[in-house]
Amino acid sequence: MIKNSEIIAYAFLIILCFISSIFLFFTTKSYFLFLIPIIVFIIVFNLLKKNKKTLEFVKKDFEKLGYELVSERPLKSSESEIDIKPAILINGVPLKNHKNQYKRMFTAKSTKGKMVELNVVITEKKNGKIAIEIKNEKQIHTYQ
């Protein structure tokens, strides 16, 4: 679920962060300023991951489930839930059984012709397969 343009953007971001950190480290008298580009990198990286578009990757999977996707958006903070799952710890770090996990809100048309809003968790497994879990389905009132 990764595009070539995303790889280029991440590589550019890493190089820019590294060069600016080295520049700040050698040109300023306060050495803690080199941490600023690293903090900016972490914030931008998290924003890029949160706003990643997954629609084109899961469109066929939703068609098998009986939905035609119209649009997507990331979850608002009020819509997200905290999932606490048991995990195997290795040196205090949990061992994940998936590569990436995205929580999204999709607007879709069902096979019955109704517009619905789907709260979905998309999990990309380590073998490259995509698992879709529909948490909530809400019908949207459309006025024509």
C-alpha atoms as a PDB file:
ATOM      1  CA  MET A   1       0.000   0.000   0.000  1.00  0.00           C
ATOM      2  CA  ILE A   2       2.865   2.354  -0.696  1.00  0.00           C
ATOM      3  CA  LYS A   3       3.363   4.488  -3.795  1.00  0.00           C
ATOM      4  CA  ASN A   4       6.654   5.532  -5.376  1.00  0.00           C
ATOM      5  CA  SER A   5       5.810   9.185  -4.739  1.00  0.00           C
ATOM      6  CA  GLU A   6       5.510   8.434  -1.006  1.00  0.00           C
ATOM      7  CA  ILE A   7       8.935   6.794  -0.985  1.00  0.00           C
ATOM      8  CA  ILE A   8      10.425   9.865  -2.669  1.00  0.00           C
ATOM      9  CA  ALA A   9       8.654  12.202  -0.214  1.00  0.00           C
ATOM     10  CA  TYR A  10       9.874  10.221   2.824  1.00  0.00           C
ATOM     11  CA  ALA A  11      13.441  10.069   1.453  1.00  0.00           C
ATOM     12  CA  PHE A  12      13.426  13.836   0.801  1.00  0.00           C
ATOM     13  CA  LEU A  13      12.087  14.482   4.296  1.00  0.00           C
ATOM     14  CA  ILE A  14      14.783  12.313   5.905  1.00  0.00           C
ATOM     15  CA  ILE A  15      17.606  13.961   3.912  1.00  0.00           C
ATOM     16  CA  LEU A  16      16.280  17.449   4.675  1.00  0.00           C
ATOM     17  CA  CYS A  17      16.023  16.634   8.387  1.00  0.00           C
ATOM     18  CA  PHE A  18      19.553  15.197   8.472  1.00  0.00           C
ATOM     19  CA  ILE A  19      21.148  18.130   6.639  1.00  0.00           C
ATOM     20  CA  SER A  20      19.346  20.762   8.716  1.00  0.00           C
ATOM     21  CA  SER A  21      20.245  18.951  11.967  1.00  0.00           C
ATOM     22  CA  ILE A  22      23.927  18.824  11.015  1.00  0.00           C
ATOM     23  CA  PHE A  23      23.848  22.487   9.950  1.00  0.00           C
ATOM     24  CA  LEU A  24      22.257  23.604  13.223  1.00  0.00           C
ATOM     25  CA  PHE A  25      24.603  21.422  15.261  1.00  0.00           C
ATOM     26  CA  PHE A  26      27.742  23.026  13.808  1.00  0.00           C
ATOM     27  CA  THR A  27      26.547  26.637  13.409  1.00  0.00           C
ATOM     28  CA  THR A  28      24.890  27.321  16.764  1.00  0.00           C
ATOM     29  CA  LYS A  29      26.310  27.498  20.214  1.00  0.00           C
ATOM     30  CA  SER A  30      23.394  25.684  21.823  1.00  0.00           C
ATOM     31  CA  TYR A  31      23.635  22.095  20.767  1.00  0.00           C
ATOM     32  CA  PHE A  32      20.089  21.120  21.684  1.00  0.00           C
ATOM     33  CA  LEU A  33      18.746  23.107  18.674  1.00  0.00           C
ATOM     34  CA  PHE A  34      19.663  20.224  16.352  1.00  0.00           C
ATOM     35  CA  LEU A  35      16.685  18.371  17.884  1.00  0.00           C
ATOM     36  CA  ILE A  36      14.188  20.821  16.327  1.00  0.00           C
ATOM     37  CA  PRO A  37      14.365  19.316  12.784  1.00  0.00           C
ATOM     38  CA  ILE A  38      13.975  15.840  14.283  1.00  0.00           C
ATOM     39  CA  ILE A  39      10.827  16.900  16.150  1.00  0.00           C
ATOM     40  CA  VAL A  40       9.478  18.536  12.977  1.00  0.00           C
ATOM     41  CA  PHE A  41      10.256  15.310  11.066  1.00  0.00           C
ATOM     42  CA  ILE A  42       8.291  13.204  13.558  1.00  0.00           C
ATOM     43  CA  ILE A  43       5.282  15.548  13.370  1.00  0.00           C
ATOM     44  CA  VAL A  44       5.277  15.675   9.536  1.00  0.00           C
ATOM     45  CA  PHE A  45       5.787  11.901   9.272  1.00  0.00           C
ATOM     46  CA  ASN A  46       2.782  11.256  11.536  1.00  0.00           C
ATOM     47  CA  LEU A  47       0.634  13.724   9.568  1.00  0.00           C
ATOM     48  CA  LEU A  48       1.599  12.046   6.278  1.00  0.00           C
ATOM     49  CA  LYS A  49       0.700   8.627   7.688  1.00  0.00           C
ATOM     50  CA  LYS A  50      -2.610   9.841   9.130  1.00  0.00           C
ATOM     51  CA  ASN A  51      -3.673  11.478   5.852  1.00  0.00           C
ATOM     52  CA  LYS A  52      -2.570   8.610   3.598  1.00  0.00           C
ATOM     53  CA  LYS A  53      -5.125   7.798   0.914  1.00  0.00           C
ATOM     54  CA  THR A  54      -6.058   4.103   0.914  1.00  0.00           C
ATOM     55  CA  LEU A  55      -9.113   4.262  -1.345  1.00  0.00           C
ATOM     56  CA  GLU A  56      -7.452   2.918  -4.488  1.00  0.00           C
ATOM     57  CA  PHE A  57      -5.878   0.006  -2.608  1.00  0.00           C
ATOM     58  CA  VAL A  58      -9.094  -1.286  -1.030  1.00  0.00           C
ATOM     59  CA  LYS A  59     -11.700  -0.460  -3.687  1.00  0.00           C
ATOM     60  CA  LYS A  60     -11.831  -4.016  -5.089  1.00  0.00           C
ATOM     61  CA  ASP A  61     -12.011  -5.550  -1.611  1.00  0.00           C
ATOM     62  CA  PHE A  62     -15.044  -3.417  -0.777  1.00  0.00           C
ATOM     63  CA  GLU A  63     -16.714  -4.376  -4.061  1.00  0.00           C
ATOM     64  CA  LYS A  64     -16.475  -8.007  -2.927  1.00  0.00           C
ATOM     65  CA  LEU A  65     -18.209  -6.974   0.317  1.00  0.00           C
ATOM     66  CA  GLY A  66     -21.004  -5.256  -1.637  1.00  0.00           C
ATOM     67  CA  TYR A  67     -19.982  -1.594  -1.384  1.00  0.00           C
ATOM     68  CA  GLU A  68     -18.951   0.923  -4.029  1.00  0.00           C
ATOM     69  CA  LEU A  69     -16.622   3.453  -2.389  1.00  0.00           C
ATOM     70  CA  VAL A  70     -17.223   7.127  -3.062  1.00  0.00           C
ATOM     71  CA  SER A  71     -14.804   8.938  -0.734  1.00  0.00           C
ATOM     72  CA  GLU A  72     -12.604   8.527   2.326  1.00  0.00           C
ATOM     73  CA  ARG A  73     -11.264  10.575   5.197  1.00  0.00           C
ATOM     74  CA  PRO A  74      -9.239   9.928   8.337  1.00  0.00           C
ATOM     75  CA  LEU A  75     -11.154   9.554  11.580  1.00  0.00           C
ATOM     76  CA  LYS A  76     -11.761  12.586  13.740  1.00  0.00           C
ATOM     77  CA  SER A  77     -10.441  12.355  17.275  1.00  0.00           C
ATOM     78  CA  SER A  78     -13.996  12.013  18.580  1.00  0.00           C
ATOM     79  CA  GLU A  79     -14.647   9.016  16.290  1.00  0.00           C
ATOM     80  CA  SER A  80     -11.544   7.028  17.121  1.00  0.00           C
ATOM     81  CA  GLU A  81     -11.490   4.308  19.733  1.00  0.00           C
ATOM     82  CA  ILE A  82      -8.607   3.041  21.812  1.00  0.00           C
ATOM     83  CA  ASP A  83      -7.991  -0.647  21.199  1.00  0.00           C
ATOM     84  CA  ILE A  84      -6.089  -2.512  23.866  1.00  0.00           C
ATOM     85  CA  LYS A  85      -5.028  -5.934  22.671  1.00  0.00           C
ATOM     86  CA  PRO A  86      -2.765  -8.443  24.365  1.00  0.00           C
ATOM     87  CA  ALA A  87       0.709  -8.574  22.865  1.00  0.00           C
ATOM     88  CA  ILE A  88       3.877 -10.603  23.144  1.00  0.00           C
ATOM     89  CA  LEU A  89       6.680  -8.454  24.527  1.00  0.00           C
ATOM     90  CA  ILE A  90      10.315  -8.836  23.502  1.00  0.00           C
ATOM     91  CA  ASN A  91      12.563  -6.616  25.635  1.00  0.00           C
ATOM     92  CA  GLY A  92       9.540  -4.501  26.497  1.00  0.00           C
ATOM     93  CA  VAL A  93       8.570  -3.909  22.841  1.00  0.00           C
ATOM     94  CA  PRO A  94       5.306  -5.434  21.590  1.00  0.00           C
ATOM     95  CA  LEU A  95       5.548  -7.854  18.672  1.00  0.00           C
ATOM     96  CA  LYS A  96       3.092  -6.852  15.922  1.00  0.00           C
ATOM     97  CA  ASN A  97       1.429  -9.329  13.608  1.00  0.00           C
ATOM     98  CA  HIS A  98       0.764  -6.671  10.959  1.00  0.00           C
ATOM     99  CA  LYS A  99       2.768  -4.147   8.983  1.00  0.00           C
ATOM    100  CA  ASN A 100       0.472  -1.093   8.987  1.00  0.00           C
ATOM    101  CA  GLN A 101      -2.971  -0.300  10.288  1.00  0.00           C
ATOM    102  CA  TYR A 102      -5.182   2.560   9.095  1.00  0.00           C
ATOM    103  CA  LYS A 103      -8.476   3.723  10.588  1.00  0.00           C
ATOM    104  CA  ARG A 104     -10.685   5.442   8.026  1.00  0.00           C
ATOM    105  CA  MET A 105     -14.227   6.660   7.436  1.00  0.00           C
ATOM    106  CA  PHE A 106     -15.521   5.725   3.973  1.00  0.00           C
ATOM    107  CA  THR A 107     -18.615   7.003   2.219  1.00  0.00           C
ATOM    108  CA  ALA A 108     -19.985   4.163   0.102  1.00  0.00           C
ATOM    109  CA  LYS A 109     -23.006   3.069  -1.878  1.00  0.00           C
ATOM    110  CA  SER A 110     -24.349  -0.337  -0.870  1.00  0.00           C
ATOM    111  CA  THR A 111     -25.698  -2.909  -3.309  1.00  0.00           C
ATOM    112  CA  LYS A 112     -29.207  -1.872  -2.211  1.00  0.00           C
ATOM    113  CA  GLY A 113     -28.514   1.660  -3.457  1.00  0.00           C
ATOM    114  CA  LYS A 114     -28.279   3.287  -0.017  1.00  0.00           C
ATOM    115  CA  MET A 115     -25.485   5.701   0.891  1.00  0.00           C
ATOM    116  CA  VAL A 116     -23.670   4.584   4.039  1.00  0.00           C
ATOM    117  CA  GLU A 117     -20.771   5.813   6.105  1.00  0.00           C
ATOM    118  CA  LEU A 118     -18.397   3.025   7.153  1.00  0.00           C
ATOM    119  CA  ASN A 119     -15.998   3.213  10.088  1.00  0.00           C
ATOM    120  CA  VAL A 120     -13.255   0.825   8.951  1.00  0.00           C
ATOM    121  CA  VAL A 121      -9.946  -0.557  10.191  1.00  0.00           C
ATOM    122  CA  ILE A 122      -7.644  -1.552   7.314  1.00  0.00           C
ATOM    123  CA  THR A 123      -4.787  -3.827   8.329  1.00  0.00           C
ATOM    124  CA  GLU A 124      -1.902  -4.566   6.002  1.00  0.00           C
ATOM    125  CA  LYS A 125      -0.456  -7.936   6.955  1.00  0.00           C
ATOM    126  CA  LYS A 126       3.260  -8.720   6.716  1.00  0.00           C
ATOM    127  CA  ASN A 127       2.644 -10.975   3.697  1.00  0.00           C
ATOM    128  CA  GLY A 128       1.086  -8.032   1.786  1.00  0.00           C
ATOM    129  CA  LYS A 129      -2.571  -9.049   2.135  1.00  0.00           C
ATOM    130  CA  ILE A 130      -5.156  -6.534   3.283  1.00  0.00           C
ATOM    131  CA  ALA A 131      -7.719  -7.289   6.016  1.00  0.00           C
ATOM    132  CA  ILE A 132     -10.784  -5.067   6.356  1.00  0.00           C
ATOM    133  CA  GLU A 133     -12.830  -4.803   9.549  1.00  0.00           C
ATOM    134  CA  ILE A 134     -16.000  -2.711   9.453  1.00  0.00           C
ATOM    135  CA  LYS A 135     -16.512  -1.300  12.943  1.00  0.00           C
ATOM    136  CA  ASN A 136     -19.659   0.719  12.314  1.00  0.00           C
ATOM    137  CA  GLU A 137     -22.092   1.332   9.472  1.00  0.00           C
ATOM    138  CA  LYS A 138     -24.325   4.404   9.471  1.00  0.00           C
ATOM    139  CA  GLN A 139     -26.887   5.252   6.786  1.00  0.00           C
ATOM    140  CA  ILE A 140     -26.613   8.744   5.280  1.00  0.00           C
ATOM    141  CA  HIS A 141     -29.775  10.598   4.411  1.00  0.00           C
ATOM    142  CA  THR A 142     -29.518  11.914   0.864  1.00  0.00           C
ATOM    143  CA  TYR A 143     -31.943  14.475  -0.428  1.00  0.00           C
ATOM    144  CA  GLN A 144     -32.631  14.441  -4.140  1.00  0.00           C
END
